[in-house]
Amino acid sequence: MNPNHVVKRMCCATLWGALSLTVLPSEVRSQASEQQQEQALVVNFEDADWGQPGTRDGFPQGVQSAPLGIDPENGGPTYFARFPAGSHFDLHWHTHAEYVAVLSGAVTIVLGENSHSLSPGSYIVIPARMNHSWDVPPGNEVVILVRRRGPADFNFAGR
């Protein structure tokens, strides 16, 4: 290939990139700007800033969470959650979808009518408004990583 063609392609690509930034709607440019300003984050769940153990009705007694961030576009939080051995999370649903990865321990989740036994490495998508509950067997705690598509809410079934 002729080296001049490579330079011309690079110049055209650079020019096209510059032009496309100037004609994008301001909303898209601001989103691109926000993404560029995002800071790097590295957190091992063992070293996370865990909150106080919870005691709220319907939630597993002793559950803890460690916030990691909020999505600026939809307000959805990302956080670690740690459930004590033998705990139960009552049947509930959320307005927005929830995405969960099991990091340690074992847990059983009931999604709608189906029960699933999960171990480290398992990934779950919980659609918006789907009833679900969690059970942690005795003898082990479980740590999960949660990301939500919108602000967190908990709507307990039958209440």
N, C-alpha and C. Protein backbone atom coordinates (compact mmCIF):
# COMPACT_ATOMS: atom_id res chain seq x y z
N MET A 1 0.84 -1.17 0.00
CA MET A 1 0.00 0.00 0.00
C MET A 1 0.88 1.23 0.00
N ASN A 2 0.50 2.24 -0.73
CA ASN A 2 1.22 3.50 -0.83
C ASN A 2 1.15 4.22 0.51
N PRO A 3 2.30 4.62 1.12
CA PRO A 3 2.29 5.31 2.40
C PRO A 3 1.47 6.59 2.38
N ASN A 4 1.39 7.28 1.24
CA ASN A 4 0.60 8.52 1.17
C ASN A 4 -0.88 8.24 1.37
N HIS A 5 -1.35 7.09 0.90
CA HIS A 5 -2.76 6.74 1.10
C HIS A 5 -3.07 6.55 2.58
N VAL A 6 -2.11 5.96 3.31
CA VAL A 6 -2.30 5.77 4.75
C VAL A 6 -2.42 7.12 5.43
N VAL A 7 -1.54 8.06 5.09
CA VAL A 7 -1.57 9.39 5.70
C VAL A 7 -2.88 10.09 5.36
N LYS A 8 -3.32 10.00 4.12
CA LYS A 8 -4.57 10.63 3.72
C LYS A 8 -5.74 10.04 4.50
N ARG A 9 -5.76 8.71 4.66
CA ARG A 9 -6.84 8.07 5.41
C ARG A 9 -6.83 8.53 6.86
N MET A 10 -5.63 8.60 7.44
CA MET A 10 -5.53 9.04 8.84
C MET A 10 -6.01 10.48 8.97
N CYS A 11 -5.62 11.36 8.04
CA CYS A 11 -6.02 12.76 8.10
C CYS A 11 -7.53 12.88 7.95
N CYS A 12 -8.09 12.14 7.00
CA CYS A 12 -9.54 12.19 6.80
C CYS A 12 -10.28 11.66 8.02
N ALA A 13 -9.78 10.57 8.59
CA ALA A 13 -10.43 10.01 9.78
C ALA A 13 -10.36 10.99 10.93
N THR A 14 -9.20 11.65 11.11
CA THR A 14 -9.06 12.63 12.18
C THR A 14 -9.99 13.81 11.95
N LEU A 15 -10.07 14.30 10.71
CA LEU A 15 -10.95 15.41 10.37
C LEU A 15 -12.40 15.01 10.60
N TRP A 16 -12.80 13.82 10.13
CA TRP A 16 -14.16 13.36 10.33
C TRP A 16 -14.50 13.26 11.82
N GLY A 17 -13.57 12.75 12.61
CA GLY A 17 -13.79 12.67 14.06
C GLY A 17 -13.99 14.04 14.67
N ALA A 18 -13.19 15.00 14.27
CA ALA A 18 -13.32 16.36 14.79
C ALA A 18 -14.64 16.99 14.37
N LEU A 19 -15.02 16.79 13.11
CA LEU A 19 -16.28 17.34 12.62
C LEU A 19 -17.47 16.71 13.33
N SER A 20 -17.41 15.40 13.53
CA SER A 20 -18.55 14.72 14.14
C SER A 20 -18.75 15.20 15.57
N LEU A 21 -17.69 15.57 16.28
CA LEU A 21 -17.84 16.09 17.63
C LEU A 21 -18.52 17.45 17.62
N THR A 22 -18.28 18.24 16.59
CA THR A 22 -18.87 19.57 16.57
C THR A 22 -20.32 19.56 16.17
N VAL A 23 -20.80 18.52 15.46
CA VAL A 23 -22.19 18.50 15.03
C VAL A 23 -23.07 17.60 15.89
N LEU A 24 -22.50 16.93 16.88
CA LEU A 24 -23.31 16.12 17.77
C LEU A 24 -24.19 17.02 18.65
N PRO A 25 -25.38 16.58 18.98
CA PRO A 25 -26.21 17.37 19.90
C PRO A 25 -25.47 17.58 21.22
N SER A 26 -25.77 18.69 21.87
CA SER A 26 -25.08 19.02 23.13
C SER A 26 -25.29 17.94 24.18
N GLU A 27 -26.46 17.29 24.18
CA GLU A 27 -26.74 16.22 25.14
C GLU A 27 -25.74 15.07 24.99
N VAL A 28 -25.47 14.67 23.75
CA VAL A 28 -24.52 13.58 23.49
C VAL A 28 -23.11 14.02 23.86
N ARG A 29 -22.74 15.27 23.53
CA ARG A 29 -21.41 15.76 23.88
C ARG A 29 -21.24 15.79 25.40
N SER A 30 -22.27 16.18 26.16
CA SER A 30 -22.12 16.23 27.61
C SER A 30 -21.99 14.83 28.20
N GLN A 31 -22.70 13.84 27.61
CA GLN A 31 -22.57 12.47 28.08
C GLN A 31 -21.16 11.96 27.82
N ALA A 32 -20.61 12.27 26.64
CA ALA A 32 -19.24 11.87 26.32
C ALA A 32 -18.27 12.54 27.29
N SER A 33 -18.53 13.78 27.63
CA SER A 33 -17.67 14.51 28.56
C SER A 33 -17.72 13.87 29.95
N GLU A 34 -18.94 13.49 30.40
CA GLU A 34 -19.07 12.83 31.70
C GLU A 34 -18.30 11.53 31.74
N GLN A 35 -18.39 10.76 30.65
CA GLN A 35 -17.70 9.47 30.61
C GLN A 35 -16.19 9.67 30.68
N GLN A 36 -15.69 10.71 30.07
CA GLN A 36 -14.26 10.97 30.09
C GLN A 36 -13.81 11.40 31.49
N GLN A 37 -14.70 12.01 32.28
CA GLN A 37 -14.34 12.51 33.60
C GLN A 37 -14.45 11.44 34.69
N GLU A 38 -15.03 10.31 34.36
CA GLU A 38 -15.20 9.25 35.35
C GLU A 38 -13.82 8.82 35.88
N GLN A 39 -13.74 8.59 37.16
CA GLN A 39 -12.49 8.22 37.81
C GLN A 39 -12.35 6.71 37.90
N ALA A 40 -11.14 6.25 37.86
CA ALA A 40 -10.86 4.83 38.03
C ALA A 40 -11.24 4.42 39.46
N LEU A 41 -11.68 3.19 39.61
CA LEU A 41 -12.05 2.68 40.93
C LEU A 41 -11.67 1.22 41.01
N VAL A 42 -10.95 0.85 42.05
CA VAL A 42 -10.61 -0.54 42.31
C VAL A 42 -10.95 -0.81 43.77
N VAL A 43 -11.87 -1.76 44.00
CA VAL A 43 -12.29 -2.10 45.36
C VAL A 43 -12.40 -3.60 45.47
N ASN A 44 -11.71 -4.18 46.44
CA ASN A 44 -11.87 -5.59 46.76
C ASN A 44 -12.96 -5.65 47.83
N PHE A 45 -13.95 -6.52 47.66
CA PHE A 45 -15.06 -6.52 48.61
C PHE A 45 -14.60 -6.78 50.04
N GLU A 46 -13.49 -7.45 50.22
CA GLU A 46 -12.99 -7.69 51.58
C GLU A 46 -12.53 -6.40 52.25
N ASP A 47 -12.17 -5.39 51.44
CA ASP A 47 -11.69 -4.11 51.97
C ASP A 47 -12.72 -3.00 51.82
N ALA A 48 -13.94 -3.33 51.41
CA ALA A 48 -14.97 -2.31 51.15
C ALA A 48 -15.38 -1.60 52.43
N ASP A 49 -15.98 -0.44 52.25
CA ASP A 49 -16.48 0.36 53.37
C ASP A 49 -17.90 -0.10 53.70
N TRP A 50 -17.99 -1.18 54.48
CA TRP A 50 -19.28 -1.79 54.81
C TRP A 50 -20.05 -0.93 55.80
N GLY A 51 -21.33 -0.75 55.53
CA GLY A 51 -22.20 -0.02 56.45
C GLY A 51 -22.56 -0.87 57.65
N GLN A 52 -23.32 -0.27 58.55
CA GLN A 52 -23.78 -0.97 59.74
C GLN A 52 -24.74 -2.10 59.38
N PRO A 53 -24.73 -3.20 60.12
CA PRO A 53 -25.68 -4.29 59.86
C PRO A 53 -27.12 -3.79 59.95
N GLY A 54 -27.94 -4.19 58.97
CA GLY A 54 -29.32 -3.73 58.92
C GLY A 54 -30.25 -4.51 59.83
N THR A 55 -31.35 -3.84 60.21
CA THR A 55 -32.36 -4.45 61.07
C THR A 55 -33.77 -4.16 60.55
N ARG A 56 -33.90 -3.70 59.30
CA ARG A 56 -35.21 -3.32 58.77
C ARG A 56 -36.08 -4.54 58.54
N ASP A 57 -37.37 -4.38 58.74
CA ASP A 57 -38.35 -5.44 58.56
C ASP A 57 -38.38 -5.90 57.10
N GLY A 58 -38.35 -7.21 56.87
CA GLY A 58 -38.37 -7.78 55.54
C GLY A 58 -36.99 -8.05 54.97
N PHE A 59 -35.99 -7.29 55.44
CA PHE A 59 -34.62 -7.46 54.98
C PHE A 59 -33.93 -8.50 55.87
N PRO A 60 -32.91 -9.17 55.37
CA PRO A 60 -32.17 -10.11 56.23
C PRO A 60 -31.56 -9.36 57.41
N GLN A 61 -31.76 -9.87 58.59
CA GLN A 61 -31.16 -9.24 59.76
C GLN A 61 -29.64 -9.33 59.66
N GLY A 62 -28.97 -8.20 59.79
CA GLY A 62 -27.52 -8.18 59.73
C GLY A 62 -26.94 -7.94 58.35
N VAL A 63 -27.80 -7.78 57.32
CA VAL A 63 -27.29 -7.51 55.97
C VAL A 63 -26.52 -6.20 55.97
N GLN A 64 -25.44 -6.17 55.20
CA GLN A 64 -24.62 -4.96 55.08
C GLN A 64 -24.42 -4.63 53.62
N SER A 65 -24.23 -3.35 53.34
CA SER A 65 -23.92 -2.96 51.97
C SER A 65 -22.74 -2.00 51.97
N ALA A 66 -22.07 -1.95 50.83
CA ALA A 66 -20.93 -1.06 50.62
C ALA A 66 -21.13 -0.37 49.27
N PRO A 67 -21.53 0.91 49.29
CA PRO A 67 -21.79 1.60 48.03
C PRO A 67 -20.52 1.78 47.20
N LEU A 68 -20.67 1.65 45.88
CA LEU A 68 -19.55 1.81 44.96
C LEU A 68 -19.73 2.99 44.03
N GLY A 69 -20.97 3.35 43.72
CA GLY A 69 -21.21 4.48 42.83
C GLY A 69 -22.65 4.54 42.38
N ILE A 70 -22.98 5.66 41.71
CA ILE A 70 -24.30 5.89 41.16
C ILE A 70 -24.15 6.20 39.68
N ASP A 71 -24.93 5.55 38.84
CA ASP A 71 -24.91 5.82 37.41
C ASP A 71 -25.49 7.22 37.18
N PRO A 72 -24.72 8.16 36.60
CA PRO A 72 -25.21 9.52 36.42
C PRO A 72 -26.36 9.62 35.42
N GLU A 73 -26.52 8.63 34.56
CA GLU A 73 -27.58 8.70 33.56
C GLU A 73 -28.94 8.22 34.08
N ASN A 74 -28.95 7.23 34.98
CA ASN A 74 -30.24 6.69 35.42
C ASN A 74 -30.41 6.65 36.93
N GLY A 75 -29.41 7.08 37.69
CA GLY A 75 -29.51 7.10 39.15
C GLY A 75 -29.39 5.74 39.79
N GLY A 76 -29.04 4.72 39.02
CA GLY A 76 -28.93 3.37 39.56
C GLY A 76 -27.65 3.18 40.35
N PRO A 77 -27.77 2.65 41.56
CA PRO A 77 -26.57 2.41 42.36
C PRO A 77 -25.88 1.11 42.00
N THR A 78 -24.61 1.05 42.29
CA THR A 78 -23.82 -0.18 42.24
C THR A 78 -23.24 -0.36 43.64
N TYR A 79 -23.34 -1.56 44.18
CA TYR A 79 -22.87 -1.78 45.55
C TYR A 79 -22.62 -3.26 45.80
N PHE A 80 -21.81 -3.52 46.83
CA PHE A 80 -21.66 -4.87 47.35
C PHE A 80 -22.74 -5.05 48.42
N ALA A 81 -23.25 -6.28 48.57
CA ALA A 81 -24.16 -6.61 49.68
C ALA A 81 -23.66 -7.91 50.29
N ARG A 82 -23.66 -7.93 51.62
CA ARG A 82 -23.20 -9.12 52.36
C ARG A 82 -24.35 -9.60 53.25
N PHE A 83 -24.76 -10.86 53.00
CA PHE A 83 -25.86 -11.47 53.75
C PHE A 83 -25.31 -12.49 54.73
N PRO A 84 -25.73 -12.43 55.99
CA PRO A 84 -25.25 -13.40 56.99
C PRO A 84 -25.73 -14.83 56.69
N ALA A 85 -24.99 -15.78 57.20
CA ALA A 85 -25.36 -17.20 57.08
C ALA A 85 -26.77 -17.40 57.65
N GLY A 86 -27.55 -18.22 56.97
CA GLY A 86 -28.90 -18.56 57.44
C GLY A 86 -29.92 -17.45 57.27
N SER A 87 -29.61 -16.40 56.53
CA SER A 87 -30.55 -15.28 56.41
C SER A 87 -31.54 -15.46 55.26
N HIS A 88 -32.61 -14.69 55.31
CA HIS A 88 -33.68 -14.75 54.31
C HIS A 88 -34.08 -13.32 53.95
N PHE A 89 -34.26 -13.07 52.66
CA PHE A 89 -34.75 -11.78 52.16
C PHE A 89 -36.16 -12.04 51.63
N ASP A 90 -37.17 -11.43 52.26
CA ASP A 90 -38.56 -11.67 51.90
C ASP A 90 -38.84 -11.39 50.41
N LEU A 91 -39.90 -11.99 49.90
CA LEU A 91 -40.33 -11.81 48.53
C LEU A 91 -40.60 -10.33 48.26
N HIS A 92 -39.96 -9.80 47.20
CA HIS A 92 -40.09 -8.38 46.87
C HIS A 92 -39.82 -8.16 45.39
N TRP A 93 -40.02 -6.93 44.93
CA TRP A 93 -39.71 -6.56 43.55
C TRP A 93 -39.20 -5.12 43.53
N HIS A 94 -38.60 -4.76 42.38
CA HIS A 94 -38.05 -3.41 42.19
C HIS A 94 -38.64 -2.80 40.93
N THR A 95 -38.73 -1.49 40.89
CA THR A 95 -39.23 -0.78 39.71
C THR A 95 -38.29 -0.95 38.52
N HIS A 96 -36.99 -1.05 38.79
CA HIS A 96 -35.99 -1.15 37.73
C HIS A 96 -35.29 -2.51 37.78
N ALA A 97 -34.76 -2.93 36.64
CA ALA A 97 -34.02 -4.20 36.56
C ALA A 97 -32.81 -4.17 37.49
N GLU A 98 -32.43 -5.35 37.93
CA GLU A 98 -31.31 -5.52 38.85
C GLU A 98 -30.39 -6.58 38.25
N TYR A 99 -29.08 -6.34 38.34
CA TYR A 99 -28.07 -7.25 37.80
C TYR A 99 -27.15 -7.63 38.95
N VAL A 100 -26.95 -8.94 39.15
CA VAL A 100 -26.24 -9.42 40.33
C VAL A 100 -25.21 -10.46 39.94
N ALA A 101 -24.03 -10.35 40.54
CA ALA A 101 -22.99 -11.38 40.42
C ALA A 101 -22.67 -11.88 41.82
N VAL A 102 -22.63 -13.19 42.00
CA VAL A 102 -22.27 -13.78 43.29
C VAL A 102 -20.75 -13.82 43.36
N LEU A 103 -20.20 -13.21 44.42
CA LEU A 103 -18.75 -13.14 44.59
C LEU A 103 -18.22 -14.20 45.54
N SER A 104 -18.96 -14.48 46.60
CA SER A 104 -18.53 -15.52 47.55
C SER A 104 -19.75 -16.12 48.22
N GLY A 105 -19.59 -17.35 48.68
CA GLY A 105 -20.66 -18.03 49.37
C GLY A 105 -21.68 -18.65 48.42
N ALA A 106 -22.72 -19.20 49.01
CA ALA A 106 -23.80 -19.82 48.24
C ALA A 106 -25.11 -19.16 48.63
N VAL A 107 -26.04 -19.12 47.68
CA VAL A 107 -27.34 -18.50 47.93
C VAL A 107 -28.35 -19.13 46.99
N THR A 108 -29.58 -19.17 47.44
CA THR A 108 -30.67 -19.61 46.58
C THR A 108 -31.56 -18.41 46.32
N ILE A 109 -31.87 -18.18 45.05
CA ILE A 109 -32.78 -17.10 44.70
C ILE A 109 -34.01 -17.71 44.04
N VAL A 110 -35.16 -17.19 44.42
CA VAL A 110 -36.40 -17.56 43.77
C VAL A 110 -36.78 -16.38 42.87
N LEU A 111 -36.83 -16.65 41.56
CA LEU A 111 -37.24 -15.65 40.56
C LEU A 111 -38.59 -16.07 40.02
N GLY A 112 -39.62 -15.31 40.35
CA GLY A 112 -40.96 -15.72 39.95
C GLY A 112 -41.29 -17.04 40.58
N GLU A 113 -41.48 -18.07 39.77
CA GLU A 113 -41.82 -19.41 40.25
C GLU A 113 -40.63 -20.36 40.28
N ASN A 114 -39.45 -19.90 39.85
CA ASN A 114 -38.29 -20.79 39.71
C ASN A 114 -37.22 -20.51 40.75
N SER A 115 -36.69 -21.59 41.32
CA SER A 115 -35.63 -21.51 42.32
C SER A 115 -34.29 -21.85 41.68
N HIS A 116 -33.25 -21.07 42.04
CA HIS A 116 -31.92 -21.29 41.47
C HIS A 116 -30.88 -21.30 42.58
N SER A 117 -30.05 -22.33 42.63
CA SER A 117 -28.93 -22.40 43.57
C SER A 117 -27.72 -21.76 42.91
N LEU A 118 -27.13 -20.79 43.58
CA LEU A 118 -26.03 -20.03 43.00
C LEU A 118 -24.76 -20.15 43.83
N SER A 119 -23.64 -20.05 43.14
CA SER A 119 -22.33 -20.11 43.78
C SER A 119 -21.47 -19.00 43.17
N PRO A 120 -20.25 -18.79 43.70
CA PRO A 120 -19.39 -17.73 43.15
C PRO A 120 -19.23 -17.86 41.63
N GLY A 121 -19.37 -16.72 40.97
CA GLY A 121 -19.29 -16.69 39.51
C GLY A 121 -20.66 -16.66 38.84
N SER A 122 -21.72 -16.93 39.59
CA SER A 122 -23.07 -16.90 39.02
C SER A 122 -23.48 -15.46 38.75
N TYR A 123 -24.27 -15.29 37.68
CA TYR A 123 -24.77 -13.97 37.28
C TYR A 123 -26.27 -14.06 37.11
N ILE A 124 -26.99 -13.07 37.60
CA ILE A 124 -28.45 -13.08 37.57
C ILE A 124 -28.94 -11.76 37.01
N VAL A 125 -29.93 -11.82 36.12
CA VAL A 125 -30.65 -10.64 35.68
C VAL A 125 -32.05 -10.76 36.27
N ILE A 126 -32.44 -9.77 37.05
CA ILE A 126 -33.77 -9.75 37.65
C ILE A 126 -34.55 -8.64 36.96
N PRO A 127 -35.49 -9.00 36.08
CA PRO A 127 -36.24 -7.97 35.37
C PRO A 127 -37.04 -7.08 36.32
N ALA A 128 -37.33 -5.87 35.87
CA ALA A 128 -38.15 -4.95 36.64
C ALA A 128 -39.47 -5.62 37.02
N ARG A 129 -39.90 -5.39 38.24
CA ARG A 129 -41.18 -5.85 38.78
C ARG A 129 -41.31 -7.37 38.94
N MET A 130 -40.21 -8.12 38.83
CA MET A 130 -40.28 -9.56 39.04
C MET A 130 -40.13 -9.87 40.53
N ASN A 131 -41.08 -10.60 41.08
CA ASN A 131 -40.97 -11.03 42.48
C ASN A 131 -39.76 -11.94 42.62
N HIS A 132 -39.00 -11.73 43.70
CA HIS A 132 -37.85 -12.59 43.99
C HIS A 132 -37.54 -12.55 45.49
N SER A 133 -36.89 -13.60 45.95
CA SER A 133 -36.45 -13.69 47.34
C SER A 133 -35.11 -14.40 47.37
N TRP A 134 -34.40 -14.23 48.48
CA TRP A 134 -33.06 -14.82 48.64
C TRP A 134 -33.03 -15.65 49.92
N ASP A 135 -32.33 -16.78 49.88
CA ASP A 135 -32.08 -17.59 51.08
C ASP A 135 -30.61 -17.99 51.10
N VAL A 136 -29.97 -17.69 52.23
CA VAL A 136 -28.57 -18.06 52.42
C VAL A 136 -28.54 -19.24 53.37
N PRO A 137 -27.91 -20.35 52.98
CA PRO A 137 -27.88 -21.52 53.87
C PRO A 137 -27.06 -21.26 55.13
N PRO A 138 -27.36 -22.01 56.18
CA PRO A 138 -26.55 -21.88 57.40
C PRO A 138 -25.09 -22.25 57.11
N GLY A 139 -24.19 -21.64 57.84
CA GLY A 139 -22.79 -22.01 57.73
C GLY A 139 -21.97 -21.19 56.76
N ASN A 140 -22.59 -20.32 55.96
CA ASN A 140 -21.79 -19.47 55.09
C ASN A 140 -22.52 -18.15 54.82
N GLU A 141 -21.77 -17.08 54.78
CA GLU A 141 -22.36 -15.81 54.35
C GLU A 141 -22.19 -15.71 52.84
N VAL A 142 -22.90 -14.78 52.21
CA VAL A 142 -22.77 -14.59 50.77
C VAL A 142 -22.51 -13.11 50.51
N VAL A 143 -21.65 -12.84 49.53
CA VAL A 143 -21.39 -11.48 49.08
C VAL A 143 -21.76 -11.41 47.60
N ILE A 144 -22.56 -10.40 47.26
CA ILE A 144 -22.97 -10.19 45.88
C ILE A 144 -22.59 -8.78 45.44
N LEU A 145 -22.46 -8.62 44.14
CA LEU A 145 -22.26 -7.32 43.52
C LEU A 145 -23.55 -6.99 42.78
N VAL A 146 -24.13 -5.82 43.08
CA VAL A 146 -25.42 -5.44 42.53
C VAL A 146 -25.27 -4.16 41.72
N ARG A 147 -25.93 -4.14 40.56
CA ARG A 147 -26.06 -2.92 39.78
C ARG A 147 -27.52 -2.79 39.40
N ARG A 148 -28.05 -1.59 39.54
CA ARG A 148 -29.46 -1.36 39.22
C ARG A 148 -29.60 -0.42 38.04
N ARG A 149 -30.65 -0.61 37.26
CA ARG A 149 -30.89 0.23 36.08
C ARG A 149 -31.50 1.57 36.46
N GLY A 150 -31.92 1.75 37.68
CA GLY A 150 -32.50 3.00 38.16
C GLY A 150 -32.41 3.03 39.67
N PRO A 151 -32.95 4.08 40.30
CA PRO A 151 -32.88 4.19 41.75
C PRO A 151 -33.44 2.94 42.45
N ALA A 152 -32.84 2.60 43.57
CA ALA A 152 -33.25 1.40 44.31
C ALA A 152 -34.56 1.64 45.04
N ASP A 153 -35.44 0.68 44.96
CA ASP A 153 -36.65 0.65 45.77
C ASP A 153 -36.94 -0.80 46.09
N PHE A 154 -37.65 -1.03 47.18
CA PHE A 154 -37.99 -2.38 47.61
C PHE A 154 -39.48 -2.41 47.87
N ASN A 155 -40.19 -3.21 47.12
CA ASN A 155 -41.64 -3.36 47.24
C ASN A 155 -41.92 -4.79 47.64
N PHE A 156 -42.32 -4.98 48.89
CA PHE A 156 -42.51 -6.33 49.40
C PHE A 156 -43.87 -6.86 49.00
N ALA A 157 -43.88 -8.09 48.50
CA ALA A 157 -45.11 -8.73 48.05
C ALA A 157 -46.06 -8.93 49.25
N GLY A 158 -47.31 -8.68 49.03
CA GLY A 158 -48.30 -8.91 50.08
C GLY A 158 -48.34 -7.84 51.16
N ARG A 159 -47.65 -6.72 50.95
CA ARG A 159 -47.70 -5.65 51.96
C ARG A 159 -48.34 -4.41 51.40
